[in-house]
Amino acid sequence: MRKSISKYFEADTERLDDLMNSFLQWKTRDYPRAREYFAAFRFGLQRHITWEEEVLFPLLERKKKISISALTNEMKLEHRKILQDVEEIERKLRQRKPIEEQQEIDLICELEAHNEKEEKSLYPAIARTATKGDVERAFREIETMPDEKYFVRNIYAGMNTSALTVRND
């Protein structure tokens, strides 16, 4: 059975959405638990972005399509903004400062718009241009990429990181 990049990444996006929703649900009731959910979300998001930028984007860019390069460049800029906003929330969590509701809303809106672009543009472009061999290589790269590649710093020390595990459902 051939793996689908779009299904794999869409499932990962759903998992990230669940983690963010769990963070939002627990942030006022159980701060340590909420922080663990956010840490898992942040790690998963960094991993998702790394997979895209180091595996999927180069796969598409090798096809030498100008529209693809414009798309991947735009998505990289969006990644930087999203990560910047995630880092700001993480900084406030570390300092135990309140997170403004508008920051959360802005991040969620950025993620929703970005995810829609992935689902309507990026993944279909891969489906149209990638060969079976390209897809197999992409999954091999994703599955063998070391976790250290995703850590910006070890903010997860001493935390329950079981939610960081990728499901291959």
N, C-alpha and C. Protein backbone atom coordinates (compact mmCIF):
# COMPACT_ATOMS: atom_id res chain seq x y z
N MET A 1 0.84 -1.19 0.00
CA MET A 1 0.00 0.00 0.00
C MET A 1 0.88 1.25 0.00
N ARG A 2 0.61 2.17 -0.91
CA ARG A 2 1.38 3.39 -1.02
C ARG A 2 0.94 4.39 0.04
N LYS A 3 1.92 4.91 0.76
CA LYS A 3 1.61 5.93 1.76
C LYS A 3 1.26 7.23 1.06
N SER A 4 0.38 7.98 1.66
CA SER A 4 -0.01 9.28 1.14
C SER A 4 0.60 10.37 2.00
N ILE A 5 1.37 11.24 1.38
CA ILE A 5 1.96 12.36 2.11
C ILE A 5 0.86 13.25 2.67
N SER A 6 -0.15 13.53 1.87
CA SER A 6 -1.20 14.43 2.36
C SER A 6 -1.93 13.82 3.56
N LYS A 7 -2.26 12.54 3.50
CA LYS A 7 -2.94 11.92 4.64
C LYS A 7 -2.05 11.90 5.88
N TYR A 8 -0.78 11.61 5.69
CA TYR A 8 0.16 11.55 6.81
C TYR A 8 0.27 12.93 7.47
N PHE A 9 0.46 13.97 6.66
CA PHE A 9 0.63 15.31 7.21
C PHE A 9 -0.67 15.87 7.75
N GLU A 10 -1.79 15.55 7.13
CA GLU A 10 -3.08 16.00 7.66
C GLU A 10 -3.36 15.35 9.01
N ALA A 11 -3.00 14.08 9.18
CA ALA A 11 -3.16 13.41 10.48
C ALA A 11 -2.26 14.07 11.53
N ASP A 12 -1.05 14.43 11.12
CA ASP A 12 -0.15 15.10 12.06
C ASP A 12 -0.71 16.46 12.44
N THR A 13 -1.28 17.18 11.50
CA THR A 13 -1.90 18.48 11.78
C THR A 13 -3.06 18.32 12.76
N GLU A 14 -3.87 17.29 12.57
CA GLU A 14 -4.98 17.03 13.50
C GLU A 14 -4.45 16.75 14.91
N ARG A 15 -3.36 15.99 15.00
CA ARG A 15 -2.75 15.70 16.30
C ARG A 15 -2.27 16.99 16.96
N LEU A 16 -1.66 17.87 16.17
CA LEU A 16 -1.21 19.16 16.70
C LEU A 16 -2.39 20.01 17.16
N ASP A 17 -3.46 20.01 16.38
CA ASP A 17 -4.67 20.74 16.79
C ASP A 17 -5.21 20.21 18.12
N ASP A 18 -5.21 18.89 18.27
CA ASP A 18 -5.67 18.29 19.53
C ASP A 18 -4.81 18.73 20.71
N LEU A 19 -3.49 18.78 20.50
CA LEU A 19 -2.59 19.21 21.57
C LEU A 19 -2.84 20.68 21.93
N MET A 20 -3.01 21.53 20.93
CA MET A 20 -3.29 22.95 21.21
C MET A 20 -4.62 23.09 21.93
N ASN A 21 -5.63 22.36 21.50
CA ASN A 21 -6.93 22.42 22.18
C ASN A 21 -6.84 21.93 23.61
N SER A 22 -6.03 20.90 23.86
CA SER A 22 -5.84 20.42 25.23
C SER A 22 -5.14 21.48 26.08
N PHE A 23 -4.16 22.15 25.51
CA PHE A 23 -3.49 23.24 26.22
C PHE A 23 -4.52 24.30 26.61
N LEU A 24 -5.33 24.73 25.66
CA LEU A 24 -6.32 25.77 25.93
C LEU A 24 -7.33 25.32 26.99
N GLN A 25 -7.69 24.05 26.94
CA GLN A 25 -8.65 23.49 27.90
C GLN A 25 -8.08 23.49 29.32
N TRP A 26 -6.80 23.18 29.47
CA TRP A 26 -6.21 22.99 30.79
C TRP A 26 -5.50 24.20 31.36
N LYS A 27 -5.25 25.24 30.59
CA LYS A 27 -4.38 26.34 31.02
C LYS A 27 -4.87 27.05 32.28
N THR A 28 -6.17 27.10 32.52
CA THR A 28 -6.67 27.78 33.72
C THR A 28 -6.98 26.80 34.85
N ARG A 29 -6.95 25.49 34.56
CA ARG A 29 -7.31 24.50 35.58
C ARG A 29 -6.12 23.74 36.13
N ASP A 30 -5.14 23.46 35.27
CA ASP A 30 -3.99 22.65 35.68
C ASP A 30 -2.78 23.13 34.88
N TYR A 31 -2.10 24.13 35.43
CA TYR A 31 -1.00 24.77 34.71
C TYR A 31 0.10 23.80 34.27
N PRO A 32 0.60 22.94 35.16
CA PRO A 32 1.66 22.01 34.72
C PRO A 32 1.20 21.10 33.58
N ARG A 33 -0.02 20.64 33.67
CA ARG A 33 -0.54 19.78 32.60
C ARG A 33 -0.67 20.56 31.29
N ALA A 34 -1.18 21.78 31.38
CA ALA A 34 -1.32 22.63 30.19
C ALA A 34 0.05 22.89 29.56
N ARG A 35 1.04 23.12 30.38
CA ARG A 35 2.39 23.39 29.87
C ARG A 35 2.94 22.16 29.14
N GLU A 36 2.65 20.98 29.66
CA GLU A 36 3.09 19.75 28.97
C GLU A 36 2.43 19.63 27.60
N TYR A 37 1.14 19.96 27.53
CA TYR A 37 0.46 19.92 26.24
C TYR A 37 1.08 20.93 25.28
N PHE A 38 1.40 22.12 25.79
CA PHE A 38 1.98 23.12 24.90
C PHE A 38 3.38 22.70 24.46
N ALA A 39 4.14 22.11 25.36
CA ALA A 39 5.48 21.62 24.99
C ALA A 39 5.38 20.55 23.91
N ALA A 40 4.42 19.66 24.04
CA ALA A 40 4.22 18.62 23.03
C ALA A 40 3.78 19.25 21.71
N PHE A 41 2.91 20.24 21.79
CA PHE A 41 2.48 20.96 20.59
C PHE A 41 3.68 21.62 19.92
N ARG A 42 4.48 22.31 20.69
CA ARG A 42 5.63 23.04 20.14
C ARG A 42 6.61 22.07 19.47
N PHE A 43 6.93 20.99 20.15
CA PHE A 43 7.85 20.01 19.57
C PHE A 43 7.27 19.44 18.28
N GLY A 44 6.00 19.05 18.32
CA GLY A 44 5.37 18.49 17.13
C GLY A 44 5.31 19.47 15.98
N LEU A 45 5.07 20.73 16.30
CA LEU A 45 5.04 21.76 15.26
C LEU A 45 6.43 21.94 14.65
N GLN A 46 7.45 21.97 15.52
CA GLN A 46 8.82 22.11 15.01
C GLN A 46 9.17 20.91 14.12
N ARG A 47 8.74 19.74 14.51
CA ARG A 47 9.01 18.54 13.72
C ARG A 47 8.28 18.63 12.37
N HIS A 48 7.02 19.00 12.40
CA HIS A 48 6.21 19.13 11.19
C HIS A 48 6.86 20.13 10.22
N ILE A 49 7.27 21.26 10.74
CA ILE A 49 7.90 22.29 9.92
C ILE A 49 9.24 21.80 9.37
N THR A 50 10.01 21.11 10.19
CA THR A 50 11.29 20.58 9.73
C THR A 50 11.07 19.57 8.61
N TRP A 51 10.10 18.69 8.78
CA TRP A 51 9.79 17.72 7.71
C TRP A 51 9.45 18.45 6.41
N GLU A 52 8.63 19.48 6.52
CA GLU A 52 8.25 20.22 5.31
C GLU A 52 9.46 20.89 4.68
N GLU A 53 10.21 21.63 5.49
CA GLU A 53 11.30 22.44 4.93
C GLU A 53 12.50 21.62 4.48
N GLU A 54 12.74 20.50 5.12
CA GLU A 54 13.93 19.72 4.78
C GLU A 54 13.65 18.51 3.89
N VAL A 55 12.38 18.14 3.78
CA VAL A 55 12.04 16.97 2.96
C VAL A 55 11.07 17.35 1.83
N LEU A 56 9.90 17.90 2.19
CA LEU A 56 8.88 18.15 1.16
C LEU A 56 9.23 19.31 0.24
N PHE A 57 9.66 20.43 0.80
CA PHE A 57 9.97 21.58 -0.05
C PHE A 57 11.09 21.26 -1.03
N PRO A 58 12.19 20.66 -0.58
CA PRO A 58 13.24 20.32 -1.57
C PRO A 58 12.74 19.34 -2.63
N LEU A 59 11.87 18.42 -2.25
CA LEU A 59 11.31 17.49 -3.22
C LEU A 59 10.60 18.27 -4.33
N LEU A 60 9.80 19.25 -3.94
CA LEU A 60 9.08 20.05 -4.93
C LEU A 60 10.01 20.99 -5.70
N GLU A 61 10.94 21.60 -4.99
CA GLU A 61 11.83 22.57 -5.63
C GLU A 61 12.75 21.91 -6.65
N ARG A 62 13.05 20.64 -6.48
CA ARG A 62 13.86 19.92 -7.48
C ARG A 62 13.13 19.82 -8.80
N LYS A 63 11.82 19.97 -8.76
CA LYS A 63 11.02 19.90 -10.00
C LYS A 63 11.14 21.20 -10.81
N LYS A 64 11.77 22.22 -10.23
CA LYS A 64 12.08 23.49 -10.92
C LYS A 64 10.86 24.24 -11.45
N LYS A 65 9.82 24.24 -10.68
CA LYS A 65 8.62 24.98 -11.07
C LYS A 65 8.62 26.31 -10.32
N ILE A 66 8.50 27.41 -11.03
CA ILE A 66 8.55 28.74 -10.41
C ILE A 66 7.41 28.90 -9.40
N SER A 67 6.22 28.45 -9.74
CA SER A 67 5.08 28.60 -8.83
C SER A 67 5.31 27.82 -7.53
N ILE A 68 6.02 26.71 -7.63
CA ILE A 68 6.31 25.91 -6.44
C ILE A 68 7.29 26.66 -5.54
N SER A 69 8.33 27.25 -6.13
CA SER A 69 9.30 28.01 -5.33
C SER A 69 8.62 29.18 -4.63
N ALA A 70 7.70 29.84 -5.30
CA ALA A 70 6.97 30.94 -4.68
C ALA A 70 6.15 30.42 -3.51
N LEU A 71 5.50 29.28 -3.69
CA LEU A 71 4.70 28.68 -2.63
C LEU A 71 5.57 28.29 -1.43
N THR A 72 6.67 27.61 -1.68
CA THR A 72 7.52 27.17 -0.56
C THR A 72 8.16 28.36 0.15
N ASN A 73 8.54 29.39 -0.60
CA ASN A 73 9.10 30.59 0.04
C ASN A 73 8.07 31.27 0.93
N GLU A 74 6.85 31.36 0.45
CA GLU A 74 5.77 31.96 1.23
C GLU A 74 5.51 31.13 2.50
N MET A 75 5.51 29.82 2.34
CA MET A 75 5.25 28.96 3.49
C MET A 75 6.39 29.05 4.52
N LYS A 76 7.62 29.19 4.06
CA LYS A 76 8.75 29.36 4.99
C LYS A 76 8.59 30.64 5.81
N LEU A 77 8.15 31.71 5.17
CA LEU A 77 7.90 32.96 5.90
C LEU A 77 6.80 32.77 6.94
N GLU A 78 5.76 32.06 6.57
CA GLU A 78 4.68 31.77 7.52
C GLU A 78 5.21 30.93 8.67
N HIS A 79 6.06 29.96 8.38
CA HIS A 79 6.65 29.14 9.44
C HIS A 79 7.40 30.01 10.44
N ARG A 80 8.19 30.96 9.96
CA ARG A 80 8.96 31.83 10.86
C ARG A 80 8.02 32.60 11.78
N LYS A 81 6.93 33.15 11.22
CA LYS A 81 5.98 33.92 12.03
C LYS A 81 5.29 33.03 13.05
N ILE A 82 4.86 31.87 12.63
CA ILE A 82 4.20 30.93 13.55
C ILE A 82 5.14 30.54 14.68
N LEU A 83 6.38 30.20 14.34
CA LEU A 83 7.35 29.80 15.37
C LEU A 83 7.67 30.95 16.32
N GLN A 84 7.71 32.14 15.78
CA GLN A 84 7.94 33.33 16.62
C GLN A 84 6.81 33.48 17.63
N ASP A 85 5.58 33.31 17.19
CA ASP A 85 4.43 33.43 18.08
C ASP A 85 4.40 32.30 19.11
N VAL A 86 4.75 31.10 18.69
CA VAL A 86 4.82 29.97 19.61
C VAL A 86 5.90 30.23 20.67
N GLU A 87 7.04 30.74 20.25
CA GLU A 87 8.14 31.05 21.18
C GLU A 87 7.72 32.10 22.20
N GLU A 88 6.95 33.08 21.77
CA GLU A 88 6.49 34.12 22.69
C GLU A 88 5.55 33.53 23.74
N ILE A 89 4.66 32.65 23.34
CA ILE A 89 3.78 31.99 24.31
C ILE A 89 4.61 31.10 25.24
N GLU A 90 5.56 30.37 24.69
CA GLU A 90 6.43 29.51 25.52
C GLU A 90 7.20 30.35 26.53
N ARG A 91 7.70 31.51 26.11
CA ARG A 91 8.43 32.39 27.03
C ARG A 91 7.53 32.80 28.20
N LYS A 92 6.30 33.16 27.89
CA LYS A 92 5.37 33.54 28.96
C LYS A 92 5.06 32.36 29.87
N LEU A 93 4.94 31.17 29.30
CA LEU A 93 4.69 29.99 30.12
C LEU A 93 5.87 29.73 31.07
N ARG A 94 7.07 29.85 30.56
CA ARG A 94 8.27 29.64 31.40
C ARG A 94 8.31 30.65 32.54
N GLN A 95 7.91 31.88 32.25
CA GLN A 95 7.93 32.95 33.25
C GLN A 95 6.66 33.01 34.09
N ARG A 96 5.74 32.10 33.79
CA ARG A 96 4.44 32.06 34.47
C ARG A 96 3.70 33.39 34.36
N LYS A 97 3.83 34.03 33.21
CA LYS A 97 3.10 35.27 32.94
C LYS A 97 1.83 34.92 32.18
N PRO A 98 0.80 35.73 32.35
CA PRO A 98 -0.44 35.45 31.63
C PRO A 98 -0.26 35.60 30.12
N ILE A 99 -0.95 34.76 29.40
CA ILE A 99 -0.93 34.81 27.95
C ILE A 99 -2.20 35.52 27.52
N GLU A 100 -2.03 36.54 26.72
CA GLU A 100 -3.19 37.29 26.27
C GLU A 100 -4.02 36.42 25.33
N GLU A 101 -5.32 36.47 25.53
CA GLU A 101 -6.22 35.67 24.69
C GLU A 101 -6.02 35.99 23.21
N GLN A 102 -5.74 37.26 22.91
CA GLN A 102 -5.55 37.65 21.51
C GLN A 102 -4.33 36.96 20.89
N GLN A 103 -3.29 36.72 21.70
CA GLN A 103 -2.12 35.98 21.19
C GLN A 103 -2.52 34.58 20.76
N GLU A 104 -3.32 33.93 21.58
CA GLU A 104 -3.78 32.58 21.26
C GLU A 104 -4.65 32.60 20.01
N ILE A 105 -5.56 33.56 19.93
CA ILE A 105 -6.45 33.67 18.77
C ILE A 105 -5.63 33.90 17.51
N ASP A 106 -4.66 34.82 17.59
CA ASP A 106 -3.82 35.11 16.42
C ASP A 106 -3.07 33.87 15.96
N LEU A 107 -2.50 33.12 16.90
CA LEU A 107 -1.76 31.91 16.55
C LEU A 107 -2.69 30.88 15.90
N ILE A 108 -3.85 30.68 16.48
CA ILE A 108 -4.79 29.71 15.93
C ILE A 108 -5.22 30.12 14.52
N CYS A 109 -5.47 31.41 14.31
CA CYS A 109 -5.86 31.88 12.97
C CYS A 109 -4.72 31.69 11.97
N GLU A 110 -3.48 31.98 12.39
CA GLU A 110 -2.32 31.76 11.51
C GLU A 110 -2.20 30.28 11.15
N LEU A 111 -2.36 29.42 12.14
CA LEU A 111 -2.25 27.98 11.89
C LEU A 111 -3.35 27.49 10.95
N GLU A 112 -4.57 27.96 11.17
CA GLU A 112 -5.68 27.53 10.31
C GLU A 112 -5.46 27.96 8.87
N ALA A 113 -5.03 29.20 8.66
CA ALA A 113 -4.78 29.68 7.30
C ALA A 113 -3.63 28.91 6.65
N HIS A 114 -2.59 28.66 7.43
CA HIS A 114 -1.42 27.93 6.92
C HIS A 114 -1.81 26.48 6.58
N ASN A 115 -2.56 25.85 7.47
CA ASN A 115 -2.98 24.47 7.23
C ASN A 115 -3.85 24.36 5.98
N GLU A 116 -4.70 25.34 5.78
CA GLU A 116 -5.55 25.33 4.59
C GLU A 116 -4.68 25.43 3.33
N LYS A 117 -3.65 26.27 3.38
CA LYS A 117 -2.76 26.40 2.22
C LYS A 117 -2.03 25.09 1.96
N GLU A 118 -1.62 24.41 3.04
CA GLU A 118 -0.97 23.11 2.87
C GLU A 118 -1.92 22.13 2.18
N GLU A 119 -3.14 22.06 2.68
CA GLU A 119 -4.10 21.08 2.17
C GLU A 119 -4.60 21.40 0.76
N LYS A 120 -4.65 22.68 0.41
CA LYS A 120 -5.19 23.05 -0.91
C LYS A 120 -4.09 23.27 -1.95
N SER A 121 -2.86 23.54 -1.52
CA SER A 121 -1.79 23.85 -2.49
C SER A 121 -0.60 22.91 -2.38
N LEU A 122 0.00 22.83 -1.19
CA LEU A 122 1.25 22.08 -1.03
C LEU A 122 1.05 20.58 -1.29
N TYR A 123 0.15 19.95 -0.56
CA TYR A 123 -0.01 18.50 -0.68
C TYR A 123 -0.51 18.09 -2.07
N PRO A 124 -1.46 18.85 -2.66
CA PRO A 124 -1.84 18.50 -4.04
C PRO A 124 -0.68 18.66 -5.03
N ALA A 125 0.19 19.66 -4.82
CA ALA A 125 1.35 19.83 -5.71
C ALA A 125 2.28 18.63 -5.60
N ILE A 126 2.44 18.12 -4.41
CA ILE A 126 3.28 16.93 -4.22
C ILE A 126 2.63 15.74 -4.91
N ALA A 127 1.33 15.58 -4.74
CA ALA A 127 0.62 14.46 -5.36
C ALA A 127 0.73 14.51 -6.89
N ARG A 128 0.73 15.73 -7.46
CA ARG A 128 0.82 15.88 -8.91
C ARG A 128 2.23 15.64 -9.45
N THR A 129 3.25 16.00 -8.68
CA THR A 129 4.61 16.00 -9.23
C THR A 129 5.52 14.90 -8.71
N ALA A 130 5.26 14.38 -7.53
CA ALA A 130 6.16 13.40 -6.93
C ALA A 130 5.93 12.01 -7.52
N THR A 131 7.03 11.34 -7.79
CA THR A 131 6.94 9.95 -8.24
C THR A 131 6.81 9.05 -7.03
N LYS A 132 6.51 7.79 -7.28
CA LYS A 132 6.44 6.81 -6.19
C LYS A 132 7.77 6.77 -5.45
N GLY A 133 8.88 6.83 -6.18
CA GLY A 133 10.21 6.84 -5.56
C GLY A 133 10.44 8.07 -4.71
N ASP A 134 9.96 9.24 -5.18
CA ASP A 134 10.07 10.48 -4.40
C ASP A 134 9.36 10.33 -3.06
N VAL A 135 8.15 9.77 -3.12
CA VAL A 135 7.34 9.62 -1.90
C VAL A 135 8.01 8.63 -0.94
N GLU A 136 8.51 7.53 -1.47
CA GLU A 136 9.20 6.55 -0.62
C GLU A 136 10.43 7.16 0.03
N ARG A 137 11.22 7.93 -0.73
CA ARG A 137 12.41 8.60 -0.17
C ARG A 137 12.00 9.61 0.89
N ALA A 138 10.94 10.35 0.63
CA ALA A 138 10.47 11.35 1.61
C ALA A 138 10.11 10.68 2.93
N PHE A 139 9.37 9.58 2.86
CA PHE A 139 9.01 8.88 4.11
C PHE A 139 10.24 8.29 4.80
N ARG A 140 11.18 7.80 4.04
CA ARG A 140 12.42 7.28 4.64
C ARG A 140 13.16 8.39 5.38
N GLU A 141 13.26 9.56 4.75
CA GLU A 141 13.92 10.70 5.40
C GLU A 141 13.19 11.12 6.67
N ILE A 142 11.87 11.18 6.59
CA ILE A 142 11.06 11.58 7.75
C ILE A 142 11.23 10.57 8.88
N GLU A 143 11.15 9.30 8.55
CA GLU A 143 11.18 8.25 9.58
C GLU A 143 12.56 8.08 10.21
N THR A 144 13.62 8.50 9.51
CA THR A 144 14.97 8.32 10.06
C THR A 144 15.57 9.62 10.59
N MET A 145 14.85 10.72 10.50
CA MET A 145 15.35 12.00 10.99
C MET A 145 15.45 11.95 12.52
N PRO A 146 16.62 12.27 13.08
CA PRO A 146 16.77 12.19 14.54
C PRO A 146 15.98 13.29 15.26
N ASP A 147 15.44 12.94 16.43
CA ASP A 147 14.65 13.89 17.21
C ASP A 147 15.41 15.17 17.53
N GLU A 148 16.72 15.08 17.71
CA GLU A 148 17.51 16.26 18.07
C GLU A 148 17.36 17.37 17.04
N LYS A 149 17.02 17.01 15.84
CA LYS A 149 16.86 17.99 14.76
C LYS A 149 15.71 18.96 15.06
N TYR A 150 14.77 18.54 15.87
CA TYR A 150 13.59 19.36 16.13
C TYR A 150 13.68 20.21 17.38
N PHE A 151 14.59 19.89 18.27
CA PHE A 151 14.68 20.61 19.54
C PHE A 151 15.43 21.92 19.35
N VAL A 152 14.79 23.02 19.69
CA VAL A 152 15.48 24.31 19.70
C VAL A 152 16.36 24.38 20.94
N ARG A 153 15.83 23.95 22.04
CA ARG A 153 16.60 23.77 23.28
C ARG A 153 15.82 22.78 24.12
N ASN A 154 16.44 22.25 25.13
CA ASN A 154 15.82 21.18 25.89
C ASN A 154 14.84 21.72 26.93
N ILE A 155 13.71 22.24 26.44
CA ILE A 155 12.68 22.75 27.35
C ILE A 155 11.83 21.62 27.91
N TYR A 156 12.07 20.40 27.45
CA TYR A 156 11.23 19.27 27.82
C TYR A 156 11.80 18.45 28.97
N ALA A 157 12.96 18.84 29.48
CA ALA A 157 13.58 18.08 30.55
C ALA A 157 12.63 17.97 31.74
N GLY A 158 12.46 16.76 32.22
CA GLY A 158 11.62 16.52 33.39
C GLY A 158 10.14 16.52 33.11
N MET A 159 9.74 16.65 31.87
CA MET A 159 8.32 16.69 31.55
C MET A 159 7.88 15.34 30.98
N ASN A 160 6.61 15.05 31.11
CA ASN A 160 6.04 13.86 30.50
C ASN A 160 5.92 14.12 29.01
N THR A 161 6.73 13.46 28.21
CA THR A 161 6.75 13.72 26.77
C THR A 161 6.07 12.61 25.97
N SER A 162 5.23 11.83 26.61
CA SER A 162 4.57 10.75 25.88
C SER A 162 3.70 11.27 24.75
N ALA A 163 3.18 12.49 24.88
CA ALA A 163 2.33 13.06 23.84
C ALA A 163 3.14 13.48 22.61
N LEU A 164 4.47 13.40 22.69
CA LEU A 164 5.30 13.79 21.56
C LEU A 164 5.37 12.70 20.50
N THR A 165 4.93 11.51 20.83
CA THR A 165 5.04 10.38 19.92
C THR A 165 4.13 10.55 18.71
N VAL A 166 4.66 10.24 17.54
CA VAL A 166 3.87 10.32 16.31
C VAL A 166 3.05 9.05 16.18
N ARG A 167 1.78 9.24 15.85
CA ARG A 167 0.92 8.08 15.55
C ARG A 167 0.95 7.88 14.06
N ASN A 168 1.10 6.65 13.64
CA ASN A 168 1.07 6.32 12.21
C ASN A 168 -0.23 5.62 11.87
N ASP A 169 -1.35 6.14 12.38
CA ASP A 169 -2.66 5.54 12.13
C ASP A 169 -3.02 5.66 10.68
